[in-house]
Amino acid sequence: MVTDKNAWIHELLYISYKDLPLPDVLKIVFEFLSVHMPITYLGIYKFFSGTMTRIAIYSPYENLLLSPEVFRIPDEFVTAVRQDNDNSGTWAGCRVTYTEGDSPHEKITKMLHPSGGTGIYMPLDYWTNYHQSRFISLHCVGACDYTQEQVDLCEEIRKPLGAALHDIFDRESGTRSRTPGVFPQRVESQGQAQVFHSLDEHIAQYIRHVIQHTNGRISGKNGAASILGLPPTTLWSKMRKLKINSGHL
């Protein structure tokens, strides 16, 4: 039995989102957040091997959808971000992002949003071993001053939203047709056979790594579910689907 009110709310949000199509989820989240803060558009992005790819995007302002579909981040920017000890660990939660400035973070944000402005970064997941991540970027074209209360609101919905999006990505992976605002990813061969593991295999390996870190503990404050940002019931469901046995890691 769940006794924490926040856990109840997280579970409710997760259940409300997980069976919806991706464009519908983005529209609902945009409309909800736009009541509480200025937003021009909302996008989901994936970073992998130095390349930023737009997974999906939503905005009622079609002429302001200026975020590129895919672009390469210079190696020196990626290295500078990884060596930025002052901000180490601060990207694990929601934070305000800017397009003006000379820091590597701001330069990358400018590439992501060439129209300029201010935004809020919402991380969804991160696989350290593979240097890849998925995140939501809420962006406001022009000068917008986001308050800590608005950032905290994004942080509050981040985990249940991320859990629901995990399920949606799993469901739509490999079977999703081209939908307005949702863009397929391409793998370009360079004349050599390339071997890729499935996303489920990557996720299973990461979950095993986290469970090993927690010595098999799934729920609770320092459990694997908390670290992964998932309700314990969702993590158990994923473990059954991926045939992960916490007692034999």
Protein backbone atom coordinates (compact mmCIF):
# COMPACT_ATOMS: atom_id res chain seq x y z
CA MET A 1 0.00 0.00 0.00
CA VAL A 2 1.35 3.41 -1.00
CA THR A 3 1.14 5.93 1.86
CA ASP A 4 3.08 8.85 0.39
CA LYS A 5 0.77 11.39 -1.29
CA ASN A 6 3.41 12.28 -3.86
CA ALA A 7 3.78 8.61 -4.77
CA TRP A 8 0.02 8.42 -5.33
CA ILE A 9 0.15 11.48 -7.58
CA HIS A 10 3.13 10.10 -9.50
CA GLU A 11 1.34 6.80 -10.03
CA LEU A 12 -1.80 8.61 -11.22
CA LEU A 13 0.16 10.71 -13.73
CA TYR A 14 2.03 7.66 -14.98
CA ILE A 15 -1.16 5.66 -15.52
CA SER A 16 -2.85 8.64 -17.20
CA TYR A 17 -0.05 9.07 -19.75
CA LYS A 18 1.40 5.63 -20.46
CA ASP A 19 -1.21 4.38 -22.94
CA LEU A 20 -1.56 7.60 -24.94
CA PRO A 21 0.10 8.29 -28.31
CA LEU A 22 3.27 10.39 -27.99
CA PRO A 23 1.85 13.51 -29.74
CA ASP A 24 -1.13 13.52 -27.34
CA VAL A 25 1.15 13.37 -24.31
CA LEU A 26 3.20 16.32 -25.57
CA LYS A 27 0.05 18.36 -26.22
CA ILE A 28 -1.36 17.66 -22.74
CA VAL A 29 1.94 18.47 -21.00
CA PHE A 30 2.36 21.66 -23.05
CA GLU A 31 -1.17 22.86 -22.27
CA PHE A 32 -0.77 22.12 -18.57
CA LEU A 33 2.62 23.80 -18.18
CA SER A 34 1.63 26.81 -20.33
CA VAL A 35 -0.94 27.68 -17.66
CA HIS A 36 1.87 28.08 -15.14
CA MET A 37 4.77 29.42 -17.20
CA PRO A 38 5.66 30.90 -20.62
CA ILE A 39 6.38 28.22 -23.28
CA THR A 40 6.73 28.59 -27.04
CA TYR A 41 7.40 24.94 -27.81
CA LEU A 42 8.24 21.67 -26.10
CA GLY A 43 10.52 19.02 -27.56
CA ILE A 44 11.95 15.61 -26.69
CA TYR A 45 15.57 15.08 -27.73
CA LYS A 46 18.12 12.31 -27.69
CA PHE A 47 21.87 12.77 -27.35
CA PHE A 48 24.08 9.91 -28.52
CA SER A 49 27.72 9.81 -29.67
CA GLY A 50 27.94 13.57 -30.09
CA THR A 51 24.73 13.87 -32.12
CA MET A 52 21.53 15.56 -30.95
CA THR A 53 18.33 14.20 -32.52
CA ARG A 54 14.84 15.58 -32.12
CA ILE A 55 12.42 12.75 -31.28
CA ALA A 56 9.22 14.80 -31.17
CA ILE A 57 8.07 18.38 -30.78
CA TYR A 58 4.85 20.27 -30.04
CA SER A 59 3.77 23.88 -30.21
CA PRO A 60 0.63 25.76 -31.28
CA TYR A 61 2.97 28.27 -32.99
CA GLU A 62 4.04 26.42 -36.13
CA ASN A 63 6.16 29.28 -37.45
CA LEU A 64 8.28 29.20 -34.28
CA LEU A 65 9.31 25.52 -34.44
CA LEU A 66 12.93 26.41 -35.09
CA SER A 67 14.64 23.55 -33.29
CA PRO A 68 16.68 21.45 -35.79
CA GLU A 69 15.83 17.79 -36.37
CA VAL A 70 19.43 16.62 -35.98
CA PHE A 71 22.83 18.24 -35.52
CA ARG A 72 26.33 17.29 -34.51
CA ILE A 73 27.83 18.81 -31.37
CA PRO A 74 31.55 19.64 -31.76
CA ASP A 75 33.77 17.28 -29.79
CA GLU A 76 35.33 20.16 -27.88
CA PHE A 77 31.89 21.21 -26.58
CA VAL A 78 31.10 17.67 -25.40
CA THR A 79 34.49 17.39 -23.68
CA ALA A 80 34.08 20.78 -22.01
CA VAL A 81 30.66 19.83 -20.64
CA ARG A 82 31.98 16.54 -19.21
CA GLN A 83 34.90 18.37 -17.58
CA ASP A 84 32.71 21.11 -16.11
CA ASN A 85 33.17 20.22 -12.44
CA ASP A 86 31.21 23.28 -11.28
CA ASN A 87 28.04 21.81 -12.80
CA SER A 88 28.80 18.13 -12.27
CA GLY A 89 25.65 16.34 -11.18
CA THR A 90 23.38 19.37 -11.54
CA TRP A 91 21.95 18.04 -14.81
CA ALA A 92 20.31 15.10 -13.04
CA GLY A 93 17.27 17.30 -12.33
CA CYS A 94 15.36 20.16 -13.92
CA ARG A 95 17.19 23.45 -14.39
CA VAL A 96 16.91 26.70 -16.35
CA THR A 97 18.89 26.89 -19.62
CA TYR A 98 20.02 29.93 -21.57
CA THR A 99 21.09 30.56 -25.16
CA GLU A 100 23.12 33.66 -24.38
CA GLY A 101 26.62 33.21 -23.01
CA ASP A 102 29.95 31.56 -23.69
CA SER A 103 29.77 28.43 -21.54
CA PRO A 104 29.70 25.08 -23.40
CA HIS A 105 26.19 24.42 -22.04
CA GLU A 106 24.92 27.72 -23.41
CA LYS A 107 26.58 27.18 -26.80
CA ILE A 108 24.91 23.76 -27.13
CA THR A 109 21.57 25.22 -26.04
CA LYS A 110 21.94 27.88 -28.74
CA MET A 111 22.48 25.13 -31.33
CA LEU A 112 19.36 23.39 -30.02
CA HIS A 113 17.30 26.59 -30.06
CA PRO A 114 18.82 28.92 -32.69
CA SER A 115 16.03 31.47 -32.25
CA GLY A 116 17.43 32.30 -28.80
CA GLY A 117 15.56 32.53 -25.54
CA THR A 118 15.30 30.70 -22.23
CA GLY A 119 14.13 27.22 -21.33
CA ILE A 120 13.85 24.48 -18.74
CA TYR A 121 15.75 21.21 -19.14
CA MET A 122 13.94 18.06 -17.94
CA PRO A 123 16.10 14.89 -18.01
CA LEU A 124 14.30 11.62 -18.78
CA ASP A 125 17.12 9.09 -18.60
CA TYR A 126 20.86 8.74 -18.86
CA TRP A 127 23.03 5.73 -19.72
CA THR A 128 26.53 6.51 -18.47
CA ASN A 129 28.18 3.55 -20.21
CA TYR A 130 26.87 4.64 -23.59
CA HIS A 131 27.11 8.43 -23.22
CA GLN A 132 23.53 8.89 -24.30
CA SER A 133 20.50 10.58 -22.82
CA ARG A 134 16.96 11.66 -23.56
CA PHE A 135 15.46 14.86 -22.23
CA ILE A 136 12.61 17.34 -22.62
CA SER A 137 13.36 20.96 -23.38
CA LEU A 138 10.69 23.56 -22.62
CA HIS A 139 11.62 26.64 -24.62
CA CYS A 140 10.46 30.23 -24.55
CA VAL A 141 11.51 32.44 -27.45
CA GLY A 142 12.62 35.80 -26.08
CA ALA A 143 13.48 36.87 -22.55
CA CYS A 144 11.70 34.70 -19.97
CA ASP A 145 12.49 34.64 -16.28
CA TYR A 146 11.60 31.24 -14.89
CA THR A 147 11.10 31.09 -11.13
CA GLN A 148 12.32 28.32 -8.84
CA GLU A 149 8.67 27.43 -8.23
CA GLN A 150 8.21 26.79 -11.97
CA VAL A 151 11.36 24.69 -12.10
CA ASP A 152 10.12 22.73 -9.07
CA LEU A 153 6.81 22.06 -10.84
CA CYS A 154 8.70 20.57 -13.79
CA GLU A 155 10.77 18.47 -11.40
CA GLU A 156 7.60 17.20 -9.70
CA ILE A 157 6.13 15.80 -12.92
CA ARG A 158 9.47 14.71 -14.44
CA LYS A 159 9.68 11.20 -12.95
CA PRO A 160 6.12 9.97 -13.67
CA LEU A 161 6.24 11.60 -17.11
CA GLY A 162 9.60 9.95 -17.80
CA ALA A 163 8.25 6.55 -16.70
CA ALA A 164 5.24 6.91 -19.01
CA LEU A 165 7.43 7.98 -21.92
CA HIS A 166 9.67 4.93 -21.35
CA ASP A 167 6.61 2.73 -21.87
CA ILE A 168 5.48 4.74 -24.90
CA PHE A 169 8.93 4.53 -26.51
CA ASP A 170 9.01 0.79 -25.85
CA ARG A 171 5.55 0.35 -27.35
CA GLU A 172 6.16 2.47 -30.43
CA SER A 173 9.76 1.41 -31.08
CA GLY A 174 10.11 -0.25 -34.47
CA THR A 175 6.42 -0.01 -35.31
CA ARG A 176 5.79 3.71 -35.31
CA SER A 177 4.82 5.22 -38.66
CA ARG A 178 5.78 8.76 -39.54
CA THR A 179 3.52 11.04 -37.54
CA PRO A 180 3.49 14.87 -37.67
CA GLY A 181 5.98 16.05 -35.06
CA VAL A 182 7.56 12.62 -34.57
CA PHE A 183 10.73 11.94 -36.51
CA PRO A 184 12.33 8.53 -37.17
CA GLN A 185 16.04 8.06 -36.60
CA ARG A 186 18.42 6.90 -39.31
CA VAL A 187 21.57 4.79 -39.08
CA GLU A 188 23.95 5.39 -41.98
CA SER A 189 26.30 2.58 -42.94
CA GLN A 190 29.87 3.43 -43.89
CA GLY A 191 30.42 0.25 -45.90
CA GLN A 192 31.03 -1.94 -42.85
CA ALA A 193 28.66 -4.27 -41.06
CA GLN A 194 27.49 -2.64 -37.84
CA VAL A 195 26.20 -4.59 -34.85
CA PHE A 196 23.70 -2.85 -32.60
CA HIS A 197 22.07 -4.04 -29.41
CA SER A 198 18.37 -3.41 -29.04
CA LEU A 199 17.13 -0.63 -26.77
CA ASP A 200 15.66 -3.27 -24.44
CA GLU A 201 19.12 -4.84 -24.08
CA HIS A 202 20.66 -1.47 -23.17
CA ILE A 203 17.86 -0.76 -20.69
CA ALA A 204 18.14 -4.23 -19.13
CA GLN A 205 21.89 -3.84 -18.66
CA TYR A 206 21.44 -0.43 -17.05
CA ILE A 207 18.70 -1.69 -14.71
CA ARG A 208 20.94 -4.61 -13.66
CA HIS A 209 23.78 -2.16 -12.98
CA VAL A 210 21.56 0.00 -10.75
CA ILE A 211 20.15 -3.02 -8.87
CA GLN A 212 23.68 -4.29 -8.25
CA HIS A 213 24.54 -0.83 -6.90
CA THR A 214 21.62 -1.04 -4.44
CA ASN A 215 22.47 -4.65 -3.46
CA GLY A 216 19.13 -5.87 -4.79
CA ARG A 217 17.00 -3.22 -3.07
CA ILE A 218 14.13 -2.19 -5.39
CA SER A 219 11.86 0.15 -3.40
CA GLY A 220 12.49 2.69 -0.67
CA LYS A 221 14.47 5.90 -0.48
CA ASN A 222 17.74 4.44 -1.76
CA GLY A 223 16.23 1.67 -3.87
CA ALA A 224 16.72 1.09 -7.59
CA ALA A 225 13.25 2.46 -8.42
CA SER A 226 14.06 5.77 -6.74
CA ILE A 227 17.40 6.07 -8.57
CA LEU A 228 15.76 5.28 -11.92
CA GLY A 229 12.90 7.71 -11.29
CA LEU A 230 10.23 4.99 -11.57
CA PRO A 231 7.41 3.81 -9.33
CA PRO A 232 8.46 0.43 -7.81
CA THR A 233 5.50 -1.27 -9.52
CA THR A 234 6.72 0.02 -12.89
CA LEU A 235 10.25 -1.20 -12.27
CA TRP A 236 8.99 -4.66 -11.27
CA SER A 237 6.91 -4.72 -14.47
CA LYS A 238 9.95 -3.81 -16.57
CA MET A 239 12.06 -6.42 -14.81
CA ARG A 240 9.49 -9.12 -15.60
CA LYS A 241 9.30 -7.99 -19.22
CA LEU A 242 13.10 -7.94 -19.57
CA LYS A 243 13.53 -11.20 -17.56
CA ILE A 244 15.66 -9.56 -14.86
CA ASN A 245 15.90 -11.50 -11.59
CA SER A 246 17.23 -9.31 -8.80
CA GLY A 247 18.25 -12.38 -6.80
CA HIS A 248 20.66 -13.65 -9.47
CA LEU A 249 22.69 -10.55 -10.44
